[in-house]
Amino acid sequence: MPESVLLPRVEVRVLDQRLHQWGLPRYQSEQAAALDLRACLDNPLILHPQTPAQLIPSGIAVYIGHDHVAALVLPRSGLGHKQGLVLGNAVGLIDADYTAEVMISAWNRSAPGTEPIVIAPGDRIAQLLFVPVVRPALAVVEAFSAATARGGGGFGSTGTEKGR
């Protein structure tokens, strides 16, 4: 990493001491974008297809403390594609001032009647991605200051005959 790049310091509290044996969250390759999160469970968890999502503790808490940084809890792509393990809330958002345990909402999106997913204690099941945040000042207006080609076409309007 070039010395000119200043990275914010993020504090991490280890809440589950088993992470010292299983492995603390870390980047799995030299250019990985996100840290892997583990399932800090006492017993295996069986997720049956299409049943309600379950909250799984990650065993860590973070303090970002920078209003221009947030973290996203994302599914691990291989588990989602191969097994159907995704996040119950699609993406979890960790605000800069959130300091409680990072929880993982896990859901088995597979079709009913397929095999359940078994999550064992210590399994890597999600990832934590730090992202920049832009917080613009909002200005309430009666009309926008500029017109666009798309205009008020609305949701999905660029995929219609009119919006070719």
Protein backbone atom coordinates (compact mmCIF):
# COMPACT_ATOMS: atom_id res chain seq x y z
CA MET A 1 0.00 0.00 0.00
CA PRO A 2 1.45 3.39 -0.93
CA GLU A 3 2.41 5.51 2.06
CA SER A 4 0.29 8.37 0.74
CA VAL A 5 -2.93 6.40 1.37
CA LEU A 6 -4.20 7.16 4.86
CA LEU A 7 -6.43 4.41 6.19
CA PRO A 8 -8.70 4.96 9.17
CA ARG A 9 -8.05 2.84 12.22
CA VAL A 10 -10.97 0.56 13.14
CA GLU A 11 -11.07 -0.92 16.63
CA VAL A 12 -12.12 -4.57 16.98
CA ARG A 13 -13.22 -6.24 20.21
CA VAL A 14 -13.07 -10.03 20.35
CA LEU A 15 -16.24 -11.10 22.17
CA ASP A 16 -15.85 -14.84 21.61
CA GLN A 17 -12.45 -16.13 22.67
CA ARG A 18 -12.75 -19.17 20.36
CA LEU A 19 -11.88 -16.81 17.50
CA HIS A 20 -8.26 -16.90 18.70
CA GLN A 21 -8.26 -20.63 17.82
CA TRP A 22 -10.51 -20.53 14.76
CA GLY A 23 -8.93 -17.41 13.33
CA LEU A 24 -9.67 -13.75 13.80
CA PRO A 25 -11.37 -11.93 10.93
CA ARG A 26 -8.79 -11.39 8.23
CA TYR A 27 -8.39 -10.82 4.53
CA GLN A 28 -8.04 -14.22 2.85
CA SER A 29 -5.79 -13.00 0.04
CA GLU A 30 -3.43 -10.13 -0.73
CA GLN A 31 -6.11 -8.15 -2.58
CA ALA A 32 -9.27 -9.39 -0.86
CA ALA A 33 -11.78 -6.59 -0.34
CA ALA A 34 -13.48 -7.96 2.77
CA LEU A 35 -12.73 -9.78 6.01
CA ASP A 36 -14.34 -13.17 6.60
CA LEU A 37 -16.73 -13.50 9.55
CA ARG A 38 -17.19 -16.73 11.47
CA ALA A 39 -20.28 -18.29 12.99
CA CYS A 40 -19.75 -18.11 16.75
CA LEU A 41 -22.19 -20.86 17.63
CA ASP A 42 -22.13 -23.38 20.47
CA ASN A 43 -23.74 -26.11 18.35
CA PRO A 44 -24.30 -26.70 14.65
CA LEU A 45 -27.22 -24.72 13.22
CA ILE A 46 -29.48 -26.34 10.63
CA LEU A 47 -31.06 -23.91 8.18
CA HIS A 48 -33.92 -25.54 6.33
CA PRO A 49 -34.84 -24.10 2.93
CA GLN A 50 -37.21 -21.12 2.95
CA THR A 51 -37.55 -20.97 6.75
CA PRO A 52 -37.09 -17.67 8.61
CA ALA A 53 -33.60 -16.18 8.77
CA GLN A 54 -31.53 -16.83 11.89
CA LEU A 55 -29.25 -14.33 13.63
CA ILE A 56 -25.76 -15.70 14.13
CA PRO A 57 -23.18 -13.97 16.33
CA SER A 58 -19.85 -13.10 14.68
CA GLY A 59 -17.97 -12.93 17.97
CA ILE A 60 -16.69 -9.42 17.27
CA ALA A 61 -17.72 -5.82 17.75
CA VAL A 62 -16.19 -2.96 15.80
CA TYR A 63 -15.89 0.74 16.45
CA ILE A 64 -15.36 2.54 13.15
CA GLY A 65 -15.63 6.05 14.60
CA HIS A 66 -15.25 7.87 11.27
CA ASP A 67 -18.34 9.51 9.78
CA HIS A 68 -16.98 8.86 6.29
CA VAL A 69 -16.70 5.05 6.77
CA ALA A 70 -19.28 2.28 7.25
CA ALA A 71 -19.10 -1.50 7.02
CA LEU A 72 -21.30 -3.88 5.07
CA VAL A 73 -22.01 -7.47 6.09
CA LEU A 74 -22.21 -9.45 2.85
CA PRO A 75 -22.72 -13.13 2.01
CA ARG A 76 -19.75 -15.20 0.90
CA SER A 77 -20.34 -15.66 -2.80
CA GLY A 78 -19.41 -19.34 -2.98
CA LEU A 79 -21.78 -20.32 -0.17
CA GLY A 80 -24.63 -18.39 -1.77
CA HIS A 81 -24.10 -19.87 -5.20
CA LYS A 82 -23.28 -23.45 -4.24
CA GLN A 83 -25.41 -23.94 -1.13
CA GLY A 84 -28.01 -21.17 -1.13
CA LEU A 85 -26.70 -19.48 2.04
CA VAL A 86 -27.45 -15.77 1.79
CA LEU A 87 -28.20 -12.97 4.22
CA GLY A 88 -31.74 -12.58 5.44
CA ASN A 89 -31.49 -8.81 5.09
CA ALA A 90 -29.52 -8.92 1.79
CA VAL A 91 -26.84 -6.58 3.21
CA GLY A 92 -26.17 -5.63 6.80
CA LEU A 93 -25.08 -2.06 7.49
CA ILE A 94 -22.70 -1.25 10.34
CA ASP A 95 -22.75 2.48 11.06
CA ALA A 96 -19.65 4.27 12.30
CA ASP A 97 -21.13 4.65 15.80
CA TYR A 98 -22.46 1.08 16.19
CA THR A 99 -20.43 -0.81 18.79
CA ALA A 100 -22.55 -3.87 19.63
CA GLU A 101 -21.74 -7.35 18.33
CA VAL A 102 -21.83 -7.75 14.56
CA MET A 103 -24.64 -10.19 13.83
CA ILE A 104 -25.13 -12.20 10.66
CA SER A 105 -28.68 -12.78 9.42
CA ALA A 106 -28.42 -16.14 7.64
CA TRP A 107 -31.09 -17.56 5.34
CA ASN A 108 -31.31 -20.67 3.16
CA ARG A 109 -32.77 -19.45 -0.13
CA SER A 110 -32.83 -22.94 -1.66
CA ALA A 111 -36.09 -24.43 -2.92
CA PRO A 112 -38.34 -26.28 -0.47
CA GLY A 113 -37.50 -29.98 -0.31
CA THR A 114 -33.77 -29.50 -0.94
CA GLU A 115 -31.10 -30.30 1.61
CA PRO A 116 -30.73 -28.04 4.64
CA ILE A 117 -27.54 -26.07 5.21
CA VAL A 118 -25.60 -27.00 8.32
CA ILE A 119 -23.47 -24.24 9.82
CA ALA A 120 -20.85 -25.51 12.25
CA PRO A 121 -19.28 -23.44 15.04
CA GLY A 122 -16.37 -21.49 13.54
CA ASP A 123 -17.48 -21.73 9.89
CA ARG A 124 -16.70 -18.69 7.74
CA ILE A 125 -20.19 -17.64 6.63
CA ALA A 126 -20.13 -13.93 5.74
CA GLN A 127 -17.76 -11.08 5.05
CA LEU A 128 -17.27 -7.56 6.34
CA LEU A 129 -16.50 -4.84 3.79
CA PHE A 130 -15.51 -1.31 4.80
CA VAL A 131 -16.80 1.37 2.43
CA PRO A 132 -16.62 5.15 2.09
CA VAL A 133 -19.72 7.11 3.01
CA VAL A 134 -20.88 10.38 1.48
CA ARG A 135 -23.36 12.39 3.56
CA PRO A 136 -24.57 15.25 1.36
CA ALA A 137 -26.57 18.18 2.67
CA LEU A 138 -30.19 17.82 1.54
CA ALA A 139 -31.90 20.85 -0.01
CA VAL A 140 -35.70 20.85 -0.17
CA VAL A 141 -36.80 22.35 -3.51
CA GLU A 142 -40.05 22.93 -5.40
CA ALA A 143 -38.41 21.93 -8.70
CA PHE A 144 -35.04 20.47 -9.63
CA SER A 145 -32.35 22.87 -10.86
CA ALA A 146 -31.75 20.89 -14.07
CA ALA A 147 -33.65 18.65 -16.46
CA THR A 148 -32.37 15.24 -17.55
CA ALA A 149 -33.03 13.11 -20.63
CA ARG A 150 -34.61 10.43 -18.44
CA GLY A 151 -36.66 12.92 -16.49
CA GLY A 152 -39.42 11.49 -14.30
CA GLY A 153 -39.61 8.22 -16.27
CA GLY A 154 -39.48 6.31 -13.03
CA PHE A 155 -38.34 2.92 -11.90
CA GLY A 156 -37.38 0.64 -14.79
CA SER A 157 -38.04 3.30 -17.41
CA THR A 158 -34.75 2.76 -19.25
CA GLY A 159 -35.78 -0.80 -20.10
CA THR A 160 -39.05 0.14 -21.81
CA GLU A 161 -39.92 1.02 -25.44
CA LYS A 162 -40.21 4.65 -24.44
CA GLY A 163 -36.86 4.64 -22.64
CA ARG A 164 -34.75 2.91 -25.29
